[in-house]
Amino acid sequence: MAFGVALAVELAIFFGAMVYPIAPSQQTALLNQANGLLNSTTGQGPAGVFSAIFDNNLRVALLEMIPAAGALLFGLSIFATGQVIQVLAISSHLPGPVFGLALFFFPFAIVELSAYAIAVASGTMLIVAWRRKTFVDELRVFLVEVVVVAAVVLIAAAMETAGIVNPFVSLVLWVPTALVVAVLAVHVRRGPT
């Protein structure tokens, strides 16, 4: 449930940031920042692009696992991402939400956002466990979740890199993504065994 709430909040912030007004000077700064990030991976080849994406996203996800502070970073980072998407949309003469929604044609977007939602939910559950006096038990779960977050970020980075190399491959990746989601949904519906 914590994951579902975190993902819903994340999507609301993400799309809200795409319509939140940005001053022209801020637009220029964000566009320069986005172009700088894009240019930093130009000419690196698939391995370099994968490494840059994975390193950045893993760092963000692990920081978001920090109880309380991670939730603040989670909100700020997804808002900043939404603002960058809005600026890229403006430079392409498109509405921000349309540009942002287009990212979801590719499965890496939902997989990556899911990693961040798992991360912030994990940190939040440590706070809940501390209040319930089950912190030690939750800490064991948290350590497993660190591995899960790293694995999901790794998969998302590989998917995003594949999409950069060949957008068609990224679309085909919806098949295994849908299968994994279906298996997880059945598992969650059955409950703990």
Protein backbone atom coordinates (compact mmCIF):
# COMPACT_ATOMS: atom_id res chain seq x y z
CA MET A 1 0.00 0.00 0.00
CA ALA A 2 2.87 2.39 0.80
CA PHE A 3 4.28 1.78 -2.67
CA GLY A 4 0.91 2.53 -4.32
CA VAL A 5 0.51 5.76 -2.38
CA ALA A 6 4.09 6.82 -3.17
CA LEU A 7 3.61 6.09 -6.88
CA ALA A 8 0.32 8.03 -6.99
CA VAL A 9 1.89 11.02 -5.21
CA GLU A 10 4.91 10.81 -7.51
CA LEU A 11 2.77 10.88 -10.66
CA ALA A 12 0.69 13.79 -9.29
CA ILE A 13 3.84 15.82 -8.55
CA PHE A 14 5.40 14.85 -11.90
CA PHE A 15 2.43 15.99 -13.99
CA GLY A 16 1.71 18.95 -11.70
CA ALA A 17 5.24 20.22 -12.25
CA MET A 18 4.64 20.12 -16.00
CA VAL A 19 1.91 22.75 -15.71
CA TYR A 20 3.35 24.82 -12.87
CA PRO A 21 4.43 28.16 -14.36
CA ILE A 22 8.16 28.69 -14.90
CA ALA A 23 9.70 32.13 -15.26
CA PRO A 24 11.48 32.67 -18.61
CA SER A 25 14.89 33.00 -16.91
CA GLN A 26 14.28 29.72 -15.08
CA GLN A 27 13.19 28.09 -18.36
CA THR A 28 16.51 29.03 -19.94
CA ALA A 29 18.48 27.67 -16.97
CA LEU A 30 16.53 24.40 -16.96
CA LEU A 31 16.86 23.99 -20.72
CA ASN A 32 20.62 24.55 -20.50
CA GLN A 33 20.80 22.01 -17.68
CA ALA A 34 18.78 19.44 -19.67
CA ASN A 35 20.86 19.98 -22.79
CA GLY A 36 24.03 19.65 -20.73
CA LEU A 37 22.88 16.29 -19.41
CA LEU A 38 21.93 15.12 -22.90
CA ASN A 39 25.24 16.30 -24.35
CA SER A 40 27.21 14.56 -21.60
CA THR A 41 26.10 11.18 -22.94
CA THR A 42 26.54 12.02 -26.63
CA GLY A 43 29.16 9.84 -28.28
CA GLN A 44 29.61 7.57 -25.25
CA GLY A 45 28.04 4.54 -26.85
CA PRO A 46 25.43 2.30 -25.19
CA ALA A 47 27.69 1.26 -22.29
CA GLY A 48 28.52 4.86 -21.40
CA VAL A 49 24.88 5.95 -21.67
CA PHE A 50 23.78 3.01 -19.51
CA SER A 51 26.43 3.79 -16.91
CA ALA A 52 25.49 7.49 -16.74
CA ILE A 53 21.76 6.73 -16.41
CA PHE A 54 22.27 3.95 -13.86
CA ASP A 55 24.73 5.90 -11.69
CA ASN A 56 22.50 8.98 -11.52
CA ASN A 57 19.25 7.09 -10.91
CA LEU A 58 20.75 4.75 -8.31
CA ARG A 59 22.21 7.69 -6.38
CA VAL A 60 18.81 9.42 -6.36
CA ALA A 61 16.93 6.25 -5.37
CA LEU A 62 19.29 5.40 -2.51
CA LEU A 63 19.06 8.95 -1.15
CA GLU A 64 15.27 8.70 -1.31
CA MET A 65 15.44 5.66 0.99
CA ILE A 66 16.66 7.85 3.86
CA PRO A 67 13.75 8.16 6.32
CA ALA A 68 12.05 11.60 6.23
CA ALA A 69 14.82 13.37 4.28
CA GLY A 70 14.35 10.90 1.43
CA ALA A 71 10.66 11.79 1.15
CA LEU A 72 11.58 15.47 0.81
CA LEU A 73 14.19 14.67 -1.83
CA PHE A 74 11.65 12.44 -3.58
CA GLY A 75 9.20 15.33 -3.92
CA LEU A 76 11.87 17.82 -4.97
CA SER A 77 13.53 15.54 -7.52
CA ILE A 78 10.30 14.48 -9.22
CA PHE A 79 9.11 18.11 -9.28
CA ALA A 80 12.42 19.18 -10.86
CA THR A 81 12.10 16.37 -13.42
CA GLY A 82 8.57 17.51 -14.29
CA GLN A 83 9.81 21.08 -14.69
CA VAL A 84 12.59 19.93 -17.04
CA ILE A 85 10.02 17.96 -19.06
CA GLN A 86 7.89 21.11 -19.29
CA VAL A 87 10.85 23.15 -20.57
CA LEU A 88 11.72 20.48 -23.15
CA ALA A 89 8.06 20.46 -24.21
CA ILE A 90 8.02 24.25 -24.55
CA SER A 91 11.16 24.12 -26.70
CA SER A 92 9.36 21.55 -28.90
CA HIS A 93 6.16 23.67 -28.99
CA LEU A 94 4.14 21.03 -27.12
CA PRO A 95 2.14 21.15 -23.89
CA GLY A 96 4.15 19.78 -20.96
CA PRO A 97 1.72 17.01 -19.96
CA VAL A 98 1.51 15.74 -23.55
CA PHE A 99 5.31 15.56 -23.73
CA GLY A 100 5.43 13.88 -20.31
CA LEU A 101 2.71 11.41 -21.20
CA ALA A 102 4.64 10.48 -24.35
CA LEU A 103 7.43 9.16 -22.09
CA PHE A 104 5.01 6.48 -20.90
CA PHE A 105 4.90 4.98 -24.38
CA PHE A 106 8.19 3.46 -23.28
CA PRO A 107 8.15 1.10 -20.28
CA PHE A 108 11.37 2.42 -18.74
CA ALA A 109 9.44 5.47 -17.48
CA ILE A 110 7.06 3.52 -15.26
CA VAL A 111 9.80 1.11 -14.17
CA GLU A 112 12.08 3.99 -13.16
CA LEU A 113 9.33 5.86 -11.33
CA SER A 114 8.42 2.60 -9.58
CA ALA A 115 11.99 2.30 -8.29
CA TYR A 116 11.73 5.73 -6.72
CA ALA A 117 8.33 4.89 -5.21
CA ILE A 118 9.73 1.68 -3.70
CA ALA A 119 12.67 3.67 -2.33
CA VAL A 120 10.61 6.34 -0.58
CA ALA A 121 8.07 3.79 0.67
CA SER A 122 10.94 1.77 2.19
CA GLY A 123 12.31 4.76 4.06
CA THR A 124 8.84 5.73 5.24
CA MET A 125 8.18 2.21 6.52
CA LEU A 126 11.28 2.49 8.72
CA ILE A 127 9.64 5.46 10.45
CA VAL A 128 6.36 3.55 10.79
CA ALA A 129 8.22 0.52 12.17
CA TRP A 130 10.07 2.67 14.69
CA ARG A 131 6.75 4.03 15.95
CA ARG A 132 5.29 0.50 16.10
CA LYS A 133 8.44 -0.79 17.83
CA THR A 134 9.13 -3.26 15.00
CA PHE A 135 12.17 -1.42 13.68
CA VAL A 136 14.58 -4.40 13.76
CA ASP A 137 12.18 -6.55 11.72
CA GLU A 138 11.61 -3.74 9.23
CA LEU A 139 15.34 -3.10 8.97
CA ARG A 140 15.79 -6.64 7.61
CA VAL A 141 13.09 -5.94 5.01
CA PHE A 142 14.71 -2.59 4.25
CA LEU A 143 18.04 -4.25 3.41
CA VAL A 144 16.25 -6.53 0.92
CA GLU A 145 14.49 -3.46 -0.51
CA VAL A 146 17.86 -1.77 -1.10
CA VAL A 147 18.74 -4.69 -3.38
CA VAL A 148 15.30 -4.57 -5.03
CA VAL A 149 15.60 -0.83 -5.69
CA ALA A 150 19.08 -1.28 -7.17
CA ALA A 151 17.81 -4.10 -9.40
CA VAL A 152 14.80 -2.10 -10.60
CA VAL A 153 17.00 0.94 -11.32
CA LEU A 154 19.39 -1.34 -13.23
CA ILE A 155 16.52 -2.76 -15.31
CA ALA A 156 15.12 0.73 -15.97
CA ALA A 157 18.54 2.01 -17.07
CA ALA A 158 18.97 -0.95 -19.42
CA MET A 159 15.49 -0.37 -20.85
CA GLU A 160 16.11 3.35 -21.31
CA THR A 161 19.45 2.71 -22.98
CA ALA A 162 17.83 0.17 -25.31
CA GLY A 163 15.19 2.78 -26.18
CA ILE A 164 17.85 5.37 -26.98
CA VAL A 165 19.66 2.90 -29.23
CA ASN A 166 16.47 1.61 -30.86
CA PRO A 167 13.03 2.99 -29.89
CA PHE A 168 11.32 -0.07 -31.37
CA VAL A 169 13.16 -2.35 -28.93
CA SER A 170 11.89 -0.18 -26.09
CA LEU A 171 8.30 -0.65 -27.28
CA VAL A 172 8.81 -4.43 -27.48
CA LEU A 173 9.94 -4.34 -23.84
CA TRP A 174 6.31 -3.70 -22.89
CA VAL A 175 5.73 -7.46 -23.29
CA PRO A 176 8.05 -8.62 -20.47
CA THR A 177 7.12 -5.54 -18.42
CA ALA A 178 3.41 -6.42 -18.66
CA LEU A 179 4.15 -10.03 -17.73
CA VAL A 180 6.12 -8.99 -14.64
CA VAL A 181 3.36 -6.57 -13.60
CA ALA A 182 0.75 -9.33 -14.05
CA VAL A 183 2.79 -11.77 -11.94
CA LEU A 184 3.27 -9.15 -9.22
CA ALA A 185 -0.45 -8.31 -9.25
CA VAL A 186 -1.37 -11.98 -8.79
CA HIS A 187 1.19 -12.30 -5.99
CA VAL A 188 -0.11 -9.20 -4.20
CA ARG A 189 -3.72 -10.31 -4.60
CA ARG A 190 -2.93 -13.71 -3.04
CA GLY A 191 -1.22 -12.05 -0.10
CA PRO A 192 1.67 -13.38 1.93
CA THR A 193 2.19 -17.12 1.80
